[in-house]
Amino acid sequence: MTIEFRPVREEDLPIIAEIYNYYSLHTTATFHDGEITLSELIEDFPPGDPVYQAYLIRDGDEVLGYCGLRRYKKVRAYDRTAEITIYLKSEYTGRGIGKSALSRLEEHAKRAGLCVILGTVTGENRASIRLFEATGYSRCAYLKNIGEISGKVLDVVMYQKELEPKQSER
């Protein structure tokens, strides 16, 4: 398998929505209520944004998933921080692709002048928790019973990694 990362283009949004909606509708990996819309995806990953970039993850012509950095909060004071997101088609999980995506996003974040990356997951998302802990992220928050999906009350765990930025693109 040869994993490639290509910046997301507008024509990629339907496949990204399909991948995300699988998790939204069938798992507790996301707190999104229902299917995500293309306009919501554009808001999360504005096309052409040099800092908050999303990548399509591919092996040749096969789309494996997507990953990206999105604005943590829409307040200027947090411009040094991004929240990471990685979603893979279910048949490609557990193959080290998430670790490669995390590495790619960290390198992009450093070049973009970001200083902190956050990862936010539900408390039962063991795969993502293992990924963050194995790659040097520190657990910085554990929020008990904060969200509810289909009648199930869930915890949220936040992970943080401080970066040493390279040359700023900002």
C-alpha atoms as a PDB file:
ATOM      1  CA  MET A   1       0.000   0.000   0.000  1.00  0.00           C
ATOM      2  CA  THR A   2       1.328   3.428  -0.987  1.00  0.00           C
ATOM      3  CA  ILE A   3      -0.396   6.098   1.081  1.00  0.00           C
ATOM      4  CA  GLU A   4      -0.693   9.534  -0.505  1.00  0.00           C
ATOM      5  CA  PHE A   5      -2.028  12.765   0.970  1.00  0.00           C
ATOM      6  CA  ARG A   6      -3.554  15.309  -1.404  1.00  0.00           C
ATOM      7  CA  PRO A   7      -5.081  18.632  -0.359  1.00  0.00           C
ATOM      8  CA  VAL A   8      -8.862  18.356  -0.418  1.00  0.00           C
ATOM      9  CA  ARG A   9     -10.638  19.969  -3.343  1.00  0.00           C
ATOM     10  CA  GLU A  10     -14.283  20.944  -3.488  1.00  0.00           C
ATOM     11  CA  GLU A  11     -15.107  17.918  -5.653  1.00  0.00           C
ATOM     12  CA  ASP A  12     -13.833  15.662  -2.818  1.00  0.00           C
ATOM     13  CA  LEU A  13     -16.472  16.870  -0.366  1.00  0.00           C
ATOM     14  CA  PRO A  14     -19.141  14.250  -1.233  1.00  0.00           C
ATOM     15  CA  ILE A  15     -16.777  11.321  -0.499  1.00  0.00           C
ATOM     16  CA  ILE A  16     -15.598  13.044   2.690  1.00  0.00           C
ATOM     17  CA  ALA A  17     -19.222  13.490   3.761  1.00  0.00           C
ATOM     18  CA  GLU A  18     -19.888   9.814   3.029  1.00  0.00           C
ATOM     19  CA  ILE A  19     -16.949   8.723   5.206  1.00  0.00           C
ATOM     20  CA  TYR A  20     -17.895  11.072   8.048  1.00  0.00           C
ATOM     21  CA  ASN A  21     -21.585  10.199   7.894  1.00  0.00           C
ATOM     22  CA  TYR A  22     -20.819   6.502   8.377  1.00  0.00           C
ATOM     23  CA  TYR A  23     -19.329   7.375  11.782  1.00  0.00           C
ATOM     24  CA  SER A  24     -22.021   9.939  12.561  1.00  0.00           C
ATOM     25  CA  LEU A  25     -24.859   7.509  11.887  1.00  0.00           C
ATOM     26  CA  HIS A  26     -23.382   4.202  13.116  1.00  0.00           C
ATOM     27  CA  THR A  27     -20.887   4.942  15.912  1.00  0.00           C
ATOM     28  CA  THR A  28     -20.187   7.231  18.842  1.00  0.00           C
ATOM     29  CA  ALA A  29     -16.974   8.556  17.280  1.00  0.00           C
ATOM     30  CA  THR A  30     -18.561  11.934  16.585  1.00  0.00           C
ATOM     31  CA  PHE A  31     -21.178  14.006  18.365  1.00  0.00           C
ATOM     32  CA  HIS A  32     -22.562  15.312  15.080  1.00  0.00           C
ATOM     33  CA  ASP A  33     -26.340  15.033  15.046  1.00  0.00           C
ATOM     34  CA  GLY A  34     -27.249  13.374  11.755  1.00  0.00           C
ATOM     35  CA  GLU A  35     -25.513  13.687   8.418  1.00  0.00           C
ATOM     36  CA  ILE A  36     -22.997  16.443   7.773  1.00  0.00           C
ATOM     37  CA  THR A  37     -23.723  18.827   4.924  1.00  0.00           C
ATOM     38  CA  LEU A  38     -21.274  20.029   2.297  1.00  0.00           C
ATOM     39  CA  SER A  39     -21.586  23.589   3.635  1.00  0.00           C
ATOM     40  CA  GLU A  40     -20.591  22.359   7.113  1.00  0.00           C
ATOM     41  CA  LEU A  41     -17.529  20.665   5.619  1.00  0.00           C
ATOM     42  CA  ILE A  42     -16.554  23.857   3.799  1.00  0.00           C
ATOM     43  CA  GLU A  43     -16.866  25.753   7.084  1.00  0.00           C
ATOM     44  CA  ASP A  44     -14.611  23.221   8.858  1.00  0.00           C
ATOM     45  CA  PHE A  45     -12.045  23.108   6.042  1.00  0.00           C
ATOM     46  CA  PRO A  46     -12.227  26.313   3.969  1.00  0.00           C
ATOM     47  CA  PRO A  47     -10.865  25.619   0.461  1.00  0.00           C
ATOM     48  CA  GLY A  48      -7.444  27.165  -0.091  1.00  0.00           C
ATOM     49  CA  ASP A  49      -6.816  27.969   3.583  1.00  0.00           C
ATOM     50  CA  PRO A  50      -3.044  27.613   4.042  1.00  0.00           C
ATOM     51  CA  VAL A  51      -3.315  26.894   7.781  1.00  0.00           C
ATOM     52  CA  TYR A  52      -6.481  24.862   8.332  1.00  0.00           C
ATOM     53  CA  GLN A  53      -5.811  22.324   5.619  1.00  0.00           C
ATOM     54  CA  ALA A  54      -7.536  19.017   4.936  1.00  0.00           C
ATOM     55  CA  TYR A  55      -6.075  16.090   3.002  1.00  0.00           C
ATOM     56  CA  LEU A  56      -7.655  13.233   1.120  1.00  0.00           C
ATOM     57  CA  ILE A  57      -5.862   9.990   2.017  1.00  0.00           C
ATOM     58  CA  ARG A  58      -5.455   7.706  -0.991  1.00  0.00           C
ATOM     59  CA  ASP A  59      -3.780   4.573  -2.249  1.00  0.00           C
ATOM     60  CA  GLY A  60      -3.675   5.117  -5.998  1.00  0.00           C
ATOM     61  CA  ASP A  61      -7.256   5.798  -7.063  1.00  0.00           C
ATOM     62  CA  GLU A  62      -8.760   4.337  -3.875  1.00  0.00           C
ATOM     63  CA  VAL A  63      -9.848   6.859  -1.237  1.00  0.00           C
ATOM     64  CA  LEU A  64      -8.960   5.539   2.225  1.00  0.00           C
ATOM     65  CA  GLY A  65     -10.144   8.502   4.285  1.00  0.00           C
ATOM     66  CA  TYR A  66      -9.371  12.103   5.067  1.00  0.00           C
ATOM     67  CA  CYS A  67      -7.680  14.148   7.743  1.00  0.00           C
ATOM     68  CA  GLY A  68      -7.366  17.797   8.544  1.00  0.00           C
ATOM     69  CA  LEU A  69      -6.657  20.630  10.888  1.00  0.00           C
ATOM     70  CA  ARG A  70      -9.515  22.918  11.742  1.00  0.00           C
ATOM     71  CA  ARG A  71      -9.772  26.104  13.732  1.00  0.00           C
ATOM     72  CA  TYR A  72     -10.089  25.339  17.449  1.00  0.00           C
ATOM     73  CA  LYS A  73     -12.355  28.294  18.215  1.00  0.00           C
ATOM     74  CA  LYS A  74     -13.357  31.287  16.155  1.00  0.00           C
ATOM     75  CA  VAL A  75     -11.540  33.654  18.505  1.00  0.00           C
ATOM     76  CA  ARG A  76      -8.251  35.229  17.431  1.00  0.00           C
ATOM     77  CA  ALA A  77      -6.561  34.349  20.739  1.00  0.00           C
ATOM     78  CA  TYR A  78      -6.671  30.677  19.696  1.00  0.00           C
ATOM     79  CA  ASP A  79      -5.068  31.164  16.270  1.00  0.00           C
ATOM     80  CA  ARG A  80      -1.993  29.268  17.503  1.00  0.00           C
ATOM     81  CA  THR A  81      -4.092  26.135  18.091  1.00  0.00           C
ATOM     82  CA  ALA A  82      -5.796  23.667  15.762  1.00  0.00           C
ATOM     83  CA  GLU A  83      -8.021  20.677  16.318  1.00  0.00           C
ATOM     84  CA  ILE A  84      -7.144  17.532  14.432  1.00  0.00           C
ATOM     85  CA  THR A  85      -9.608  15.261  12.681  1.00  0.00           C
ATOM     86  CA  ILE A  86      -8.951  11.887  11.063  1.00  0.00           C
ATOM     87  CA  TYR A  87     -11.609   9.635   9.557  1.00  0.00           C
ATOM     88  CA  LEU A  88     -10.859   6.481   7.598  1.00  0.00           C
ATOM     89  CA  LYS A  89     -13.191   4.165   5.753  1.00  0.00           C
ATOM     90  CA  SER A  90     -13.952   1.429   8.280  1.00  0.00           C
ATOM     91  CA  GLU A  91     -12.140  -1.249   6.257  1.00  0.00           C
ATOM     92  CA  TYR A  92      -8.861   0.719   6.487  1.00  0.00           C
ATOM     93  CA  THR A  93      -8.672   1.217  10.247  1.00  0.00           C
ATOM     94  CA  GLY A  94      -5.983  -0.546  12.276  1.00  0.00           C
ATOM     95  CA  ARG A  95      -3.387  -0.447   9.484  1.00  0.00           C
ATOM     96  CA  GLY A  96      -1.194   2.448  10.651  1.00  0.00           C
ATOM     97  CA  ILE A  97      -2.852   4.952   8.315  1.00  0.00           C
ATOM     98  CA  GLY A  98      -4.058   7.091  11.227  1.00  0.00           C
ATOM     99  CA  LYS A  99      -0.506   7.349  12.535  1.00  0.00           C
ATOM    100  CA  SER A 100       0.723   8.462   9.097  1.00  0.00           C
ATOM    101  CA  ALA A 101      -2.087  11.021   8.906  1.00  0.00           C
ATOM    102  CA  LEU A 102      -1.232  12.366  12.343  1.00  0.00           C
ATOM    103  CA  SER A 103       2.413  12.769  11.347  1.00  0.00           C
ATOM    104  CA  ARG A 104       1.450  14.541   8.113  1.00  0.00           C
ATOM    105  CA  LEU A 105      -0.816  16.967   9.961  1.00  0.00           C
ATOM    106  CA  GLU A 106       1.808  17.715  12.600  1.00  0.00           C
ATOM    107  CA  GLU A 107       4.345  18.605   9.900  1.00  0.00           C
ATOM    108  CA  HIS A 108       1.811  20.853   8.185  1.00  0.00           C
ATOM    109  CA  ALA A 109       0.942  22.504  11.518  1.00  0.00           C
ATOM    110  CA  LYS A 110       4.608  23.259  12.208  1.00  0.00           C
ATOM    111  CA  ARG A 111       5.092  24.807   8.757  1.00  0.00           C
ATOM    112  CA  ALA A 112       1.916  26.850   9.251  1.00  0.00           C
ATOM    113  CA  GLY A 113       3.236  28.266  12.525  1.00  0.00           C
ATOM    114  CA  LEU A 114       0.769  26.494  14.792  1.00  0.00           C
ATOM    115  CA  CYS A 115       1.947  25.767  18.328  1.00  0.00           C
ATOM    116  CA  VAL A 116      -0.670  23.396  19.741  1.00  0.00           C
ATOM    117  CA  ILE A 117      -2.738  20.547  18.297  1.00  0.00           C
ATOM    118  CA  LEU A 118      -5.768  19.194  20.119  1.00  0.00           C
ATOM    119  CA  GLY A 119      -7.509  15.885  19.596  1.00  0.00           C
ATOM    120  CA  THR A 120     -11.004  15.428  21.008  1.00  0.00           C
ATOM    121  CA  VAL A 121     -12.556  11.953  21.193  1.00  0.00           C
ATOM    122  CA  THR A 122     -15.356  10.169  23.005  1.00  0.00           C
ATOM    123  CA  GLY A 123     -14.265   8.201  26.044  1.00  0.00           C
ATOM    124  CA  GLU A 124     -15.107   4.896  24.382  1.00  0.00           C
ATOM    125  CA  ASN A 125     -13.079   5.590  21.221  1.00  0.00           C
ATOM    126  CA  ARG A 126     -10.226   3.319  22.311  1.00  0.00           C
ATOM    127  CA  ALA A 127      -8.493   3.271  18.914  1.00  0.00           C
ATOM    128  CA  SER A 128      -8.087   7.063  18.827  1.00  0.00           C
ATOM    129  CA  ILE A 129      -7.056   7.169  22.481  1.00  0.00           C
ATOM    130  CA  ARG A 130      -4.322   4.575  21.782  1.00  0.00           C
ATOM    131  CA  LEU A 131      -3.209   6.553  18.712  1.00  0.00           C
ATOM    132  CA  PHE A 132      -2.836   9.831  20.599  1.00  0.00           C
ATOM    133  CA  GLU A 133      -1.086   8.217  23.555  1.00  0.00           C
ATOM    134  CA  ALA A 134       1.315   6.276  21.303  1.00  0.00           C
ATOM    135  CA  THR A 135       2.326   9.423  19.413  1.00  0.00           C
ATOM    136  CA  GLY A 136       3.243  11.682  22.316  1.00  0.00           C
ATOM    137  CA  TYR A 137      -0.024  13.475  23.018  1.00  0.00           C
ATOM    138  CA  SER A 138      -0.868  14.263  26.639  1.00  0.00           C
ATOM    139  CA  ARG A 139      -4.338  13.846  28.032  1.00  0.00           C
ATOM    140  CA  CYS A 140      -5.320  17.367  29.043  1.00  0.00           C
ATOM    141  CA  ALA A 141      -9.016  16.992  29.862  1.00  0.00           C
ATOM    142  CA  TYR A 142     -11.558  14.353  30.738  1.00  0.00           C
ATOM    143  CA  LEU A 143     -15.107  15.652  30.601  1.00  0.00           C
ATOM    144  CA  LYS A 144     -17.567  13.237  32.209  1.00  0.00           C
ATOM    145  CA  ASN A 145     -21.079  12.708  30.875  1.00  0.00           C
ATOM    146  CA  ILE A 146     -20.857  15.762  28.625  1.00  0.00           C
ATOM    147  CA  GLY A 147     -22.601  14.484  25.507  1.00  0.00           C
ATOM    148  CA  GLU A 148     -25.404  12.179  24.498  1.00  0.00           C
ATOM    149  CA  ILE A 149     -25.839  10.121  21.341  1.00  0.00           C
ATOM    150  CA  SER A 150     -28.997   8.068  20.807  1.00  0.00           C
ATOM    151  CA  GLY A 151     -29.752   8.027  24.519  1.00  0.00           C
ATOM    152  CA  LYS A 152     -26.209   7.026  25.506  1.00  0.00           C
ATOM    153  CA  VAL A 153     -24.364   9.520  27.733  1.00  0.00           C
ATOM    154  CA  LEU A 154     -20.666   9.770  26.869  1.00  0.00           C
ATOM    155  CA  ASP A 155     -17.454  11.248  28.196  1.00  0.00           C
ATOM    156  CA  VAL A 156     -15.073  13.337  26.104  1.00  0.00           C
ATOM    157  CA  VAL A 157     -11.298  13.033  26.319  1.00  0.00           C
ATOM    158  CA  MET A 158      -9.000  15.759  25.007  1.00  0.00           C
ATOM    159  CA  TYR A 159      -5.386  15.259  24.009  1.00  0.00           C
ATOM    160  CA  GLN A 160      -2.808  17.955  23.377  1.00  0.00           C
ATOM    161  CA  LYS A 161       0.590  18.178  21.730  1.00  0.00           C
ATOM    162  CA  GLU A 162       2.785  21.251  21.783  1.00  0.00           C
ATOM    163  CA  LEU A 163       4.795  21.801  18.623  1.00  0.00           C
ATOM    164  CA  GLU A 164       7.932  23.689  17.802  1.00  0.00           C
ATOM    165  CA  PRO A 165       6.849  25.569  14.672  1.00  0.00           C
ATOM    166  CA  LYS A 166       9.040  25.656  11.599  1.00  0.00           C
ATOM    167  CA  GLN A 167       8.995  28.585   9.207  1.00  0.00           C
ATOM    168  CA  SER A 168       5.587  30.257   9.407  1.00  0.00           C
ATOM    169  CA  GLU A 169       3.293  30.308   6.383  1.00  0.00           C
ATOM    170  CA  ARG A 170       0.897  32.693   8.078  1.00  0.00           C
END
